[in-house]
Amino acid sequence: MEGQRSLLRAIRLEDLDQAQSILGENPDSVLEIDPTTRETGLHVSAKNALGEFVDAILESPSVDFSLQDARGYDVLQSAMESLDQTIVQKIHSAMSERAPHLLNNPPHLTADQ
C-alpha cells in the first residue's frame, strides 16, 4: 500500500484515532489483507478483543464477512478466539444483518473446498 496509510498497521499499534481517520477517508480500507496471515483489520481487531476498533470497522459498508485468514478462519471464528462475548455478539449481529447466508452456510464448510 505504497503512499497509503495502513488500517492494519493502525490496529496493530492500537491507534484508534488513526484507524478512524483511515476509515473515514477510505471505507474500503477494511478490505486490506495482510499478505502473510491473510487477516483483515476486522480479524485482527476481533481476535484481540479491540472492541472500539471492531465498532469502527463494522460501520464501513465495505466489510466482507466471507474473507478467511490463512488458517481458514472467518471473522466470527477470529472473534471467538478472543473469548470476549461482547465482541463475538457484535460480529454475529453484524453478520446476521449483512451476511446471514454465511452463518447458515459458512465458506469453510462448503463441499467445493
PDB file of N, CA and C in Angstrom:
ATOM      1  N   MET A   1       0.833  -1.184   0.000  1.00  0.00           N
ATOM      2  CA  MET A   1       0.000   0.000   0.000  1.00  0.00           C
ATOM      3  C   MET A   1       0.876   1.244   0.000  1.00  0.00           C
ATOM      4  N   GLU A   2       1.705   1.333  -0.980  1.00  0.00           N
ATOM      5  CA  GLU A   2       2.635   2.447  -1.125  1.00  0.00           C
ATOM      6  C   GLU A   2       1.863   3.761  -1.178  1.00  0.00           C
ATOM      7  N   GLY A   3       2.248   4.701  -0.312  1.00  0.00           N
ATOM      8  CA  GLY A   3       1.628   6.009  -0.315  1.00  0.00           C
ATOM      9  C   GLY A   3       0.316   6.081   0.443  1.00  0.00           C
ATOM     10  N   GLN A   4      -0.204   4.956   0.876  1.00  0.00           N
ATOM     11  CA  GLN A   4      -1.454   4.948   1.625  1.00  0.00           C
ATOM     12  C   GLN A   4      -1.182   4.545   3.063  1.00  0.00           C
ATOM     13  N   ARG A   5      -1.996   5.086   3.956  1.00  0.00           N
ATOM     14  CA  ARG A   5      -1.886   4.685   5.355  1.00  0.00           C
ATOM     15  C   ARG A   5      -2.547   3.326   5.517  1.00  0.00           C
ATOM     16  N   SER A   6      -2.025   2.528   6.417  1.00  0.00           N
ATOM     17  CA  SER A   6      -2.493   1.164   6.587  1.00  0.00           C
ATOM     18  C   SER A   6      -3.413   1.027   7.797  1.00  0.00           C
ATOM     19  N   LEU A   7      -4.629   0.559   7.552  1.00  0.00           N
ATOM     20  CA  LEU A   7      -5.558   0.286   8.642  1.00  0.00           C
ATOM     21  C   LEU A   7      -5.002  -0.818   9.538  1.00  0.00           C
ATOM     22  N   LEU A   8      -4.453  -1.861   8.935  1.00  0.00           N
ATOM     23  CA  LEU A   8      -3.887  -2.950   9.734  1.00  0.00           C
ATOM     24  C   LEU A   8      -2.788  -2.443  10.667  1.00  0.00           C
ATOM     25  N   ARG A   9      -1.943  -1.580  10.156  1.00  0.00           N
ATOM     26  CA  ARG A   9      -0.854  -1.042  10.988  1.00  0.00           C
ATOM     27  C   ARG A   9      -1.424  -0.232  12.145  1.00  0.00           C
ATOM     28  N   ALA A  10      -2.416   0.600  11.877  1.00  0.00           N
ATOM     29  CA  ALA A  10      -3.042   1.404  12.933  1.00  0.00           C
ATOM     30  C   ALA A  10      -3.664   0.508  14.003  1.00  0.00           C
ATOM     31  N   ILE A  11      -4.291  -0.574  13.581  1.00  0.00           N
ATOM     32  CA  ILE A  11      -4.905  -1.501  14.540  1.00  0.00           C
ATOM     33  C   ILE A  11      -3.832  -2.185  15.375  1.00  0.00           C
ATOM     34  N   ARG A  12      -2.797  -2.654  14.716  1.00  0.00           N
ATOM     35  CA  ARG A  12      -1.728  -3.351  15.453  1.00  0.00           C
ATOM     36  C   ARG A  12      -1.014  -2.421  16.438  1.00  0.00           C
ATOM     37  N   LEU A  13      -0.998  -1.132  16.137  1.00  0.00           N
ATOM     38  CA  LEU A  13      -0.426  -0.141  17.057  1.00  0.00           C
ATOM     39  C   LEU A  13      -1.464   0.343  18.072  1.00  0.00           C
ATOM     40  N   GLU A  14      -2.692  -0.149  17.933  1.00  0.00           N
ATOM     41  CA  GLU A  14      -3.827   0.247  18.768  1.00  0.00           C
ATOM     42  C   GLU A  14      -4.021   1.761  18.765  1.00  0.00           C
ATOM     43  N   ASP A  15      -3.902   2.338  17.573  1.00  0.00           N
ATOM     44  CA  ASP A  15      -4.078   3.773  17.374  1.00  0.00           C
ATOM     45  C   ASP A  15      -5.480   4.003  16.806  1.00  0.00           C
ATOM     46  N   LEU A  16      -6.447   4.141  17.708  1.00  0.00           N
ATOM     47  CA  LEU A  16      -7.842   4.269  17.301  1.00  0.00           C
ATOM     48  C   LEU A  16      -8.086   5.527  16.474  1.00  0.00           C
ATOM     49  N   ASP A  17      -7.489   6.647  16.858  1.00  0.00           N
ATOM     50  CA  ASP A  17      -7.681   7.884  16.092  1.00  0.00           C
ATOM     51  C   ASP A  17      -7.216   7.712  14.648  1.00  0.00           C
ATOM     52  N   GLN A  18      -6.055   7.098  14.473  1.00  0.00           N
ATOM     53  CA  GLN A  18      -5.525   6.858  13.121  1.00  0.00           C
ATOM     54  C   GLN A  18      -6.451   5.912  12.353  1.00  0.00           C
ATOM     55  N   ALA A  19      -6.900   4.846  13.008  1.00  0.00           N
ATOM     56  CA  ALA A  19      -7.785   3.885  12.343  1.00  0.00           C
ATOM     57  C   ALA A  19      -9.083   4.563  11.902  1.00  0.00           C
ATOM     58  N   GLN A  20      -9.667   5.366  12.781  1.00  0.00           N
ATOM     59  CA  GLN A  20     -10.907   6.058  12.431  1.00  0.00           C
ATOM     60  C   GLN A  20     -10.684   7.049  11.297  1.00  0.00           C
ATOM     61  N   SER A  21      -9.554   7.709  11.295  1.00  0.00           N
ATOM     62  CA  SER A  21      -9.224   8.644  10.219  1.00  0.00           C
ATOM     63  C   SER A  21      -9.112   7.907   8.882  1.00  0.00           C
ATOM     64  N   ILE A  22      -8.425   6.789   8.895  1.00  0.00           N
ATOM     65  CA  ILE A  22      -8.263   5.990   7.672  1.00  0.00           C
ATOM     66  C   ILE A  22      -9.617   5.500   7.177  1.00  0.00           C
ATOM     67  N   LEU A  23     -10.437   4.996   8.090  1.00  0.00           N
ATOM     68  CA  LEU A  23     -11.769   4.509   7.708  1.00  0.00           C
ATOM     69  C   LEU A  23     -12.639   5.637   7.162  1.00  0.00           C
ATOM     70  N   GLY A  24     -12.518   6.828   7.744  1.00  0.00           N
ATOM     71  CA  GLY A  24     -13.284   7.973   7.270  1.00  0.00           C
ATOM     72  C   GLY A  24     -12.899   8.389   5.864  1.00  0.00           C
ATOM     73  N   GLU A  25     -11.613   8.322   5.572  1.00  0.00           N
ATOM     74  CA  GLU A  25     -11.117   8.691   4.244  1.00  0.00           C
ATOM     75  C   GLU A  25     -11.370   7.607   3.207  1.00  0.00           C
ATOM     76  N   ASN A  26     -11.312   6.355   3.646  1.00  0.00           N
ATOM     77  CA  ASN A  26     -11.403   5.240   2.706  1.00  0.00           C
ATOM     78  C   ASN A  26     -12.102   4.043   3.355  1.00  0.00           C
ATOM     79  N   PRO A  27     -13.438   3.983   3.269  1.00  0.00           N
ATOM     80  CA  PRO A  27     -14.163   2.861   3.868  1.00  0.00           C
ATOM     81  C   PRO A  27     -13.713   1.495   3.337  1.00  0.00           C
ATOM     82  N   ASP A  28     -13.164   1.469   2.126  1.00  0.00           N
ATOM     83  CA  ASP A  28     -12.687   0.203   1.555  1.00  0.00           C
ATOM     84  C   ASP A  28     -11.392  -0.287   2.200  1.00  0.00           C
ATOM     85  N   SER A  29     -10.804   0.517   3.084  1.00  0.00           N
ATOM     86  CA  SER A  29      -9.581   0.076   3.766  1.00  0.00           C
ATOM     87  C   SER A  29      -9.832  -1.169   4.610  1.00  0.00           C
ATOM     88  N   VAL A  30     -11.100  -1.463   4.896  1.00  0.00           N
ATOM     89  CA  VAL A  30     -11.422  -2.687   5.646  1.00  0.00           C
ATOM     90  C   VAL A  30     -11.086  -3.938   4.845  1.00  0.00           C
ATOM     91  N   LEU A  31     -10.855  -3.778   3.549  1.00  0.00           N
ATOM     92  CA  LEU A  31     -10.532  -4.916   2.683  1.00  0.00           C
ATOM     93  C   LEU A  31      -9.031  -5.169   2.585  1.00  0.00           C
ATOM     94  N   GLU A  32      -8.228  -4.338   3.259  1.00  0.00           N
ATOM     95  CA  GLU A  32      -6.777  -4.553   3.288  1.00  0.00           C
ATOM     96  C   GLU A  32      -6.493  -5.911   3.934  1.00  0.00           C
ATOM     97  N   ILE A  33      -5.657  -6.702   3.289  1.00  0.00           N
ATOM     98  CA  ILE A  33      -5.345  -8.052   3.770  1.00  0.00           C
ATOM     99  C   ILE A  33      -3.844  -8.170   4.007  1.00  0.00           C
ATOM    100  N   ASP A  34      -3.484  -8.670   5.184  1.00  0.00           N
ATOM    101  CA  ASP A  34      -2.077  -8.919   5.485  1.00  0.00           C
ATOM    102  C   ASP A  34      -1.593 -10.034   4.563  1.00  0.00           C
ATOM    103  N   PRO A  35      -0.513  -9.815   3.813  1.00  0.00           N
ATOM    104  CA  PRO A  35      -0.071 -10.819   2.842  1.00  0.00           C
ATOM    105  C   PRO A  35       0.412 -12.126   3.473  1.00  0.00           C
ATOM    106  N   THR A  36       0.817 -12.090   4.725  1.00  0.00           N
ATOM    107  CA  THR A  36       1.308 -13.300   5.385  1.00  0.00           C
ATOM    108  C   THR A  36       0.192 -14.066   6.090  1.00  0.00           C
ATOM    109  N   THR A  37      -0.569 -13.361   6.922  1.00  0.00           N
ATOM    110  CA  THR A  37      -1.600 -14.021   7.736  1.00  0.00           C
ATOM    111  C   THR A  37      -2.951 -14.084   7.041  1.00  0.00           C
ATOM    112  N   ARG A  38      -3.117 -13.284   5.988  1.00  0.00           N
ATOM    113  CA  ARG A  38      -4.380 -13.155   5.249  1.00  0.00           C
ATOM    114  C   ARG A  38      -5.495 -12.560   6.120  1.00  0.00           C
ATOM    115  N   GLU A  39      -5.126 -11.913   7.216  1.00  0.00           N
ATOM    116  CA  GLU A  39      -6.108 -11.301   8.101  1.00  0.00           C
ATOM    117  C   GLU A  39      -6.481  -9.903   7.610  1.00  0.00           C
ATOM    118  N   THR A  40      -7.734  -9.542   7.854  1.00  0.00           N
ATOM    119  CA  THR A  40      -8.193  -8.174   7.647  1.00  0.00           C
ATOM    120  C   THR A  40      -8.130  -7.451   8.990  1.00  0.00           C
ATOM    121  N   GLY A  41      -8.395  -6.166   8.962  1.00  0.00           N
ATOM    122  CA  GLY A  41      -8.446  -5.413  10.208  1.00  0.00           C
ATOM    123  C   GLY A  41      -9.506  -5.936  11.155  1.00  0.00           C
ATOM    124  N   LEU A  42     -10.609  -6.425  10.605  1.00  0.00           N
ATOM    125  CA  LEU A  42     -11.666  -6.963  11.459  1.00  0.00           C
ATOM    126  C   LEU A  42     -11.210  -8.256  12.128  1.00  0.00           C
ATOM    127  N   HIS A  43     -10.488  -9.114  11.402  1.00  0.00           N
ATOM    128  CA  HIS A  43      -9.926 -10.324  12.019  1.00  0.00           C
ATOM    129  C   HIS A  43      -9.035  -9.947  13.209  1.00  0.00           C
ATOM    130  N   VAL A  44      -8.099  -9.023  12.967  1.00  0.00           N
ATOM    131  CA  VAL A  44      -7.128  -8.634  13.993  1.00  0.00           C
ATOM    132  C   VAL A  44      -7.834  -7.995  15.187  1.00  0.00           C
ATOM    133  N   SER A  45      -8.761  -7.090  14.921  1.00  0.00           N
ATOM    134  CA  SER A  45      -9.487  -6.414  15.996  1.00  0.00           C
ATOM    135  C   SER A  45     -10.322  -7.394  16.804  1.00  0.00           C
ATOM    136  N   ALA A  46     -10.987  -8.299  16.111  1.00  0.00           N
ATOM    137  CA  ALA A  46     -11.858  -9.258  16.791  1.00  0.00           C
ATOM    138  C   ALA A  46     -11.063 -10.215  17.668  1.00  0.00           C
ATOM    139  N   LYS A  47     -10.024 -10.818  17.123  1.00  0.00           N
ATOM    140  CA  LYS A  47      -9.294 -11.827  17.908  1.00  0.00           C
ATOM    141  C   LYS A  47      -8.528 -11.221  19.075  1.00  0.00           C
ATOM    142  N   ASN A  48      -8.212  -9.923  18.989  1.00  0.00           N
ATOM    143  CA  ASN A  48      -7.505  -9.241  20.073  1.00  0.00           C
ATOM    144  C   ASN A  48      -8.445  -8.450  20.984  1.00  0.00           C
ATOM    145  N   ALA A  49      -9.749  -8.655  20.807  1.00  0.00           N
ATOM    146  CA  ALA A  49     -10.775  -8.029  21.646  1.00  0.00           C
ATOM    147  C   ALA A  49     -10.641  -6.509  21.704  1.00  0.00           C
ATOM    148  N   LEU A  50     -10.429  -5.905  20.548  1.00  0.00           N
ATOM    149  CA  LEU A  50     -10.331  -4.447  20.445  1.00  0.00           C
ATOM    150  C   LEU A  50     -11.700  -3.908  20.028  1.00  0.00           C
ATOM    151  N   GLY A  51     -12.595  -3.828  21.001  1.00  0.00           N
ATOM    152  CA  GLY A  51     -13.994  -3.502  20.749  1.00  0.00           C
ATOM    153  C   GLY A  51     -14.238  -2.212  19.999  1.00  0.00           C
ATOM    154  N   GLU A  52     -13.511  -1.152  20.346  1.00  0.00           N
ATOM    155  CA  GLU A  52     -13.720   0.129  19.662  1.00  0.00           C
ATOM    156  C   GLU A  52     -13.306   0.046  18.197  1.00  0.00           C
ATOM    157  N   PHE A  53     -12.282  -0.747  17.911  1.00  0.00           N
ATOM    158  CA  PHE A  53     -11.848  -0.940  16.530  1.00  0.00           C
ATOM    159  C   PHE A  53     -12.890  -1.756  15.767  1.00  0.00           C
ATOM    160  N   VAL A  54     -13.423  -2.798  16.421  1.00  0.00           N
ATOM    161  CA  VAL A  54     -14.479  -3.605  15.799  1.00  0.00           C
ATOM    162  C   VAL A  54     -15.659  -2.707  15.450  1.00  0.00           C
ATOM    163  N   ASP A  55     -16.086  -1.870  16.398  1.00  0.00           N
ATOM    164  CA  ASP A  55     -17.211  -0.959  16.150  1.00  0.00           C
ATOM    165  C   ASP A  55     -16.944  -0.052  14.953  1.00  0.00           C
ATOM    166  N   ALA A  56     -15.755   0.531  14.908  1.00  0.00           N
ATOM    167  CA  ALA A  56     -15.408   1.452  13.817  1.00  0.00           C
ATOM    168  C   ALA A  56     -15.412   0.732  12.473  1.00  0.00           C
ATOM    169  N   ILE A  57     -14.859  -0.464  12.437  1.00  0.00           N
ATOM    170  CA  ILE A  57     -14.794  -1.220  11.179  1.00  0.00           C
ATOM    171  C   ILE A  57     -16.185  -1.645  10.728  1.00  0.00           C
ATOM    172  N   LEU A  58     -17.026  -2.055  11.670  1.00  0.00           N
ATOM    173  CA  LEU A  58     -18.371  -2.505  11.302  1.00  0.00           C
ATOM    174  C   LEU A  58     -19.230  -1.380  10.733  1.00  0.00           C
ATOM    175  N   GLU A  59     -18.831  -0.136  10.932  1.00  0.00           N
ATOM    176  CA  GLU A  59     -19.559   0.989  10.338  1.00  0.00           C
ATOM    177  C   GLU A  59     -19.333   1.081   8.831  1.00  0.00           C
ATOM    178  N   SER A  60     -18.280   0.466   8.344  1.00  0.00           N
ATOM    179  CA  SER A  60     -17.982   0.518   6.908  1.00  0.00           C
ATOM    180  C   SER A  60     -18.929  -0.393   6.135  1.00  0.00           C
ATOM    181  N   PRO A  61     -19.494   0.116   5.044  1.00  0.00           N
ATOM    182  CA  PRO A  61     -20.344  -0.733   4.206  1.00  0.00           C
ATOM    183  C   PRO A  61     -19.537  -1.750   3.396  1.00  0.00           C
ATOM    184  N   SER A  62     -18.220  -1.630   3.431  1.00  0.00           N
ATOM    185  CA  SER A  62     -17.360  -2.476   2.591  1.00  0.00           C
ATOM    186  C   SER A  62     -16.895  -3.764   3.262  1.00  0.00           C
ATOM    187  N   VAL A  63     -17.267  -3.991   4.511  1.00  0.00           N
ATOM    188  CA  VAL A  63     -16.822  -5.201   5.214  1.00  0.00           C
ATOM    189  C   VAL A  63     -17.242  -6.437   4.431  1.00  0.00           C
ATOM    190  N   ASP A  64     -16.304  -7.353   4.261  1.00  0.00           N
ATOM    191  CA  ASP A  64     -16.581  -8.629   3.589  1.00  0.00           C
ATOM    192  C   ASP A  64     -16.417  -9.737   4.624  1.00  0.00           C
ATOM    193  N   PHE A  65     -17.539 -10.223   5.119  1.00  0.00           N
ATOM    194  CA  PHE A  65     -17.525 -11.229   6.175  1.00  0.00           C
ATOM    195  C   PHE A  65     -17.076 -12.601   5.681  1.00  0.00           C
ATOM    196  N   SER A  66     -17.003 -12.789   4.384  1.00  0.00           N
ATOM    197  CA  SER A  66     -16.626 -14.100   3.844  1.00  0.00           C
ATOM    198  C   SER A  66     -15.114 -14.306   3.783  1.00  0.00           C
ATOM    199  N   LEU A  67     -14.334 -13.233   3.971  1.00  0.00           N
ATOM    200  CA  LEU A  67     -12.878 -13.364   3.883  1.00  0.00           C
ATOM    201  C   LEU A  67     -12.344 -14.238   5.010  1.00  0.00           C
ATOM    202  N   GLN A  68     -11.437 -15.120   4.647  1.00  0.00           N
ATOM    203  CA  GLN A  68     -10.826 -16.023   5.622  1.00  0.00           C
ATOM    204  C   GLN A  68      -9.339 -15.736   5.723  1.00  0.00           C
ATOM    205  N   ASP A  69      -8.800 -15.946   6.920  1.00  0.00           N
ATOM    206  CA  ASP A  69      -7.361 -15.768   7.098  1.00  0.00           C
ATOM    207  C   ASP A  69      -6.625 -17.016   6.613  1.00  0.00           C
ATOM    208  N   ALA A  70      -5.322 -17.049   6.792  1.00  0.00           N
ATOM    209  CA  ALA A  70      -4.504 -18.163   6.292  1.00  0.00           C
ATOM    210  C   ALA A  70      -4.863 -19.492   6.953  1.00  0.00           C
ATOM    211  N   ARG A  71      -5.483 -19.428   8.126  1.00  0.00           N
ATOM    212  CA  ARG A  71      -5.900 -20.654   8.818  1.00  0.00           C
ATOM    213  C   ARG A  71      -7.284 -21.115   8.386  1.00  0.00           C
ATOM    214  N   GLY A  72      -7.944 -20.301   7.555  1.00  0.00           N
ATOM    215  CA  GLY A  72      -9.301 -20.611   7.132  1.00  0.00           C
ATOM    216  C   GLY A  72     -10.359 -20.074   8.077  1.00  0.00           C
ATOM    217  N   TYR A  73      -9.988 -19.185   8.993  1.00  0.00           N
ATOM    218  CA  TYR A  73     -10.920 -18.613   9.958  1.00  0.00           C
ATOM    219  C   TYR A  73     -11.615 -17.397   9.357  1.00  0.00           C
ATOM    220  N   ASP A  74     -12.933 -17.343   9.534  1.00  0.00           N
ATOM    221  CA  ASP A  74     -13.657 -16.130   9.180  1.00  0.00           C
ATOM    222  C   ASP A  74     -13.636 -15.198  10.396  1.00  0.00           C
ATOM    223  N   VAL A  75     -14.269 -14.038  10.281  1.00  0.00           N
ATOM    224  CA  VAL A  75     -14.182 -13.064  11.372  1.00  0.00           C
ATOM    225  C   VAL A  75     -14.900 -13.533  12.633  1.00  0.00           C
ATOM    226  N   LEU A  76     -15.959 -14.313  12.491  1.00  0.00           N
ATOM    227  CA  LEU A  76     -16.649 -14.819  13.676  1.00  0.00           C
ATOM    228  C   LEU A  76     -15.749 -15.798  14.434  1.00  0.00           C
ATOM    229  N   GLN A  77     -15.054 -16.648  13.712  1.00  0.00           N
ATOM    230  CA  GLN A  77     -14.120 -17.570  14.362  1.00  0.00           C
ATOM    231  C   GLN A  77     -12.979 -16.801  15.027  1.00  0.00           C
ATOM    232  N   SER A  78     -12.508 -15.747  14.386  1.00  0.00           N
ATOM    233  CA  SER A  78     -11.470 -14.909  14.997  1.00  0.00           C
ATOM    234  C   SER A  78     -11.993 -14.257  16.271  1.00  0.00           C
ATOM    235  N   ALA A  79     -13.236 -13.802  16.242  1.00  0.00           N
ATOM    236  CA  ALA A  79     -13.840 -13.203  17.437  1.00  0.00           C
ATOM    237  C   ALA A  79     -13.925 -14.221  18.571  1.00  0.00           C
ATOM    238  N   MET A  80     -14.254 -15.454  18.240  1.00  0.00           N
ATOM    239  CA  MET A  80     -14.348 -16.494  19.268  1.00  0.00           C
ATOM    240  C   MET A  80     -13.000 -16.748  19.941  1.00  0.00           C
ATOM    241  N   GLU A  81     -11.919 -16.528  19.207  1.00  0.00           N
ATOM    242  CA  GLU A  81     -10.578 -16.679  19.788  1.00  0.00           C
ATOM    243  C   GLU A  81     -10.333 -15.694  20.925  1.00  0.00           C
ATOM    244  N   SER A  82     -10.987 -14.555  20.883  1.00  0.00           N
ATOM    245  CA  SER A  82     -10.777 -13.523  21.896  1.00  0.00           C
ATOM    246  C   SER A  82     -11.381 -13.912  23.243  1.00  0.00           C
ATOM    247  N   LEU A  83     -12.338 -14.827  23.227  1.00  0.00           N
ATOM    248  CA  LEU A  83     -13.088 -15.225  24.423  1.00  0.00           C
ATOM    249  C   LEU A  83     -13.873 -14.056  25.014  1.00  0.00           C
ATOM    250  N   ASP A  84     -14.088 -13.017  24.225  1.00  0.00           N
ATOM    251  CA  ASP A  84     -14.847 -11.841  24.650  1.00  0.00           C
ATOM    252  C   ASP A  84     -16.236 -11.944  24.025  1.00  0.00           C
ATOM    253  N   GLN A  85     -17.217 -12.269  24.847  1.00  0.00           N
ATOM    254  CA  GLN A  85     -18.563 -12.500  24.329  1.00  0.00           C
ATOM    255  C   GLN A  85     -19.188 -11.251  23.711  1.00  0.00           C
ATOM    256  N   THR A  86     -18.789 -10.082  24.168  1.00  0.00           N
ATOM    257  CA  THR A  86     -19.305  -8.844  23.574  1.00  0.00           C
ATOM    258  C   THR A  86     -18.837  -8.725  22.128  1.00  0.00           C
ATOM    259  N   ILE A  87     -17.567  -9.018  21.890  1.00  0.00           N
ATOM    260  CA  ILE A  87     -17.019  -8.968  20.526  1.00  0.00           C
ATOM    261  C   ILE A  87     -17.702 -10.019  19.660  1.00  0.00           C
ATOM    262  N   VAL A  88     -17.828 -11.223  20.183  1.00  0.00           N
ATOM    263  CA  VAL A  88     -18.480 -12.303  19.432  1.00  0.00           C
ATOM    264  C   VAL A  88     -19.896 -11.881  19.056  1.00  0.00           C
ATOM    265  N   GLN A  89     -20.628 -11.308  20.001  1.00  0.00           N
ATOM    266  CA  GLN A  89     -22.008 -10.901  19.740  1.00  0.00           C
ATOM    267  C   GLN A  89     -22.076  -9.775  18.709  1.00  0.00           C
ATOM    268  N   LYS A  90     -21.157  -8.817  18.777  1.00  0.00           N
ATOM    269  CA  LYS A  90     -21.140  -7.724  17.794  1.00  0.00           C
ATOM    270  C   LYS A  90     -20.942  -8.272  16.377  1.00  0.00           C
ATOM    271  N   ILE A  91     -19.977  -9.179  16.239  1.00  0.00           N
ATOM    272  CA  ILE A  91     -19.698  -9.761  14.921  1.00  0.00           C
ATOM    273  C   ILE A  91     -20.885 -10.595  14.458  1.00  0.00           C
ATOM    274  N   HIS A  92     -21.425 -11.409  15.354  1.00  0.00           N
ATOM    275  CA  HIS A  92     -22.564 -12.264  14.999  1.00  0.00           C
ATOM    276  C   HIS A  92     -23.764 -11.419  14.577  1.00  0.00           C
ATOM    277  N   SER A  93     -24.037 -10.365  15.326  1.00  0.00           N
ATOM    278  CA  SER A  93     -25.168  -9.485  14.985  1.00  0.00           C
ATOM    279  C   SER A  93     -24.975  -8.832  13.620  1.00  0.00           C
ATOM    280  N   ALA A  94     -23.766  -8.344  13.373  1.00  0.00           N
ATOM    281  CA  ALA A  94     -23.486  -7.715  12.079  1.00  0.00           C
ATOM    282  C   ALA A  94     -23.630  -8.723  10.945  1.00  0.00           C
ATOM    283  N   MET A  95     -23.142  -9.928  11.160  1.00  0.00           N
ATOM    284  CA  MET A  95     -23.270 -10.964  10.125  1.00  0.00           C
ATOM    285  C   MET A  95     -24.737 -11.341   9.919  1.00  0.00           C
ATOM    286  N   SER A  96     -25.511 -11.398  11.002  1.00  0.00           N
ATOM    287  CA  SER A  96     -26.937 -11.726  10.895  1.00  0.00           C
ATOM    288  C   SER A  96     -27.672 -10.721  10.024  1.00  0.00           C
ATOM    289  N   GLU A  97     -27.292  -9.454  10.149  1.00  0.00           N
ATOM    290  CA  GLU A  97     -27.928  -8.392   9.373  1.00  0.00           C
ATOM    291  C   GLU A  97     -27.414  -8.318   7.940  1.00  0.00           C
ATOM    292  N   ARG A  98     -26.100  -8.451   7.769  1.00  0.00           N
ATOM    293  CA  ARG A  98     -25.478  -8.135   6.482  1.00  0.00           C
ATOM    294  C   ARG A  98     -25.036  -9.344   5.671  1.00  0.00           C
ATOM    295  N   ALA A  99     -24.886 -10.490   6.320  1.00  0.00           N
ATOM    296  CA  ALA A  99     -24.436 -11.690   5.597  1.00  0.00           C
ATOM    297  C   ALA A  99     -24.999 -12.953   6.248  1.00  0.00           C
ATOM    298  N   PRO A 100     -26.325 -13.018   6.407  1.00  0.00           N
ATOM    299  CA  PRO A 100     -26.906 -14.177   7.109  1.00  0.00           C
ATOM    300  C   PRO A 100     -26.606 -15.508   6.431  1.00  0.00           C
ATOM    301  N   HIS A 101     -26.412 -15.475   5.125  1.00  0.00           N
ATOM    302  CA  HIS A 101     -26.108 -16.711   4.395  1.00  0.00           C
ATOM    303  C   HIS A 101     -24.808 -17.347   4.881  1.00  0.00           C
ATOM    304  N   LEU A 102     -23.888 -16.545   5.388  1.00  0.00           N
ATOM    305  CA  LEU A 102     -22.617 -17.090   5.880  1.00  0.00           C
ATOM    306  C   LEU A 102     -22.776 -17.789   7.226  1.00  0.00           C
ATOM    307  N   LEU A 103     -23.757 -17.368   8.008  1.00  0.00           N
ATOM    308  CA  LEU A 103     -23.995 -18.040   9.284  1.00  0.00           C
ATOM    309  C   LEU A 103     -24.609 -19.416   9.066  1.00  0.00           C
ATOM    310  N   ASN A 104     -25.435 -19.533   8.041  1.00  0.00           N
ATOM    311  CA  ASN A 104     -26.106 -20.801   7.755  1.00  0.00           C
ATOM    312  C   ASN A 104     -25.295 -21.712   6.854  1.00  0.00           C
ATOM    313  N   ASN A 105     -24.342 -21.137   6.122  1.00  0.00           N
ATOM    314  CA  ASN A 105     -23.539 -21.910   5.176  1.00  0.00           C
ATOM    315  C   ASN A 105     -22.131 -21.317   5.130  1.00  0.00           C
ATOM    316  N   PRO A 106     -21.367 -21.492   6.221  1.00  0.00           N
ATOM    317  CA  PRO A 106     -20.033 -20.888   6.260  1.00  0.00           C
ATOM    318  C   PRO A 106     -19.146 -21.376   5.126  1.00  0.00           C
ATOM    319  N   PRO A 107     -18.317 -20.487   4.568  1.00  0.00           N
ATOM    320  CA  PRO A 107     -17.460 -20.871   3.441  1.00  0.00           C
ATOM    321  C   PRO A 107     -16.542 -22.041   3.765  1.00  0.00           C
ATOM    322  N   HIS A 108     -16.102 -22.152   5.016  1.00  0.00           N
ATOM    323  CA  HIS A 108     -15.179 -23.222   5.380  1.00  0.00           C
ATOM    324  C   HIS A 108     -15.862 -24.586   5.468  1.00  0.00           C
ATOM    325  N   LEU A 109     -17.185 -24.625   5.364  1.00  0.00           N
ATOM    326  CA  LEU A 109     -17.902 -25.896   5.422  1.00  0.00           C
ATOM    327  C   LEU A 109     -18.534 -26.291   4.096  1.00  0.00           C
ATOM    328  N   THR A 110     -18.248 -25.549   3.046  1.00  0.00           N
ATOM    329  CA  THR A 110     -18.840 -25.874   1.755  1.00  0.00           C
ATOM    330  C   THR A 110     -18.125 -27.054   1.122  1.00  0.00           C
ATOM    331  N   ALA A 111     -18.842 -27.797   0.317  1.00  0.00           N
ATOM    332  CA  ALA A 111     -18.317 -29.036  -0.269  1.00  0.00           C
ATOM    333  C   ALA A 111     -17.263 -28.792  -1.340  1.00  0.00           C
ATOM    334  N   ASP A 112     -17.244 -27.601  -1.938  1.00  0.00           N
ATOM    335  CA  ASP A 112     -16.333 -27.367  -3.057  1.00  0.00           C
ATOM    336  C   ASP A 112     -14.929 -26.940  -2.625  1.00  0.00           C
ATOM    337  N   GLN A 113     -14.614 -27.025  -1.358  1.00  0.00           N
ATOM    338  CA  GLN A 113     -13.262 -26.651  -0.913  1.00  0.00           C
ATOM    339  C   GLN A 113     -12.430 -27.868  -0.629  1.00  0.00           C
TER     340      GLN A 113
END
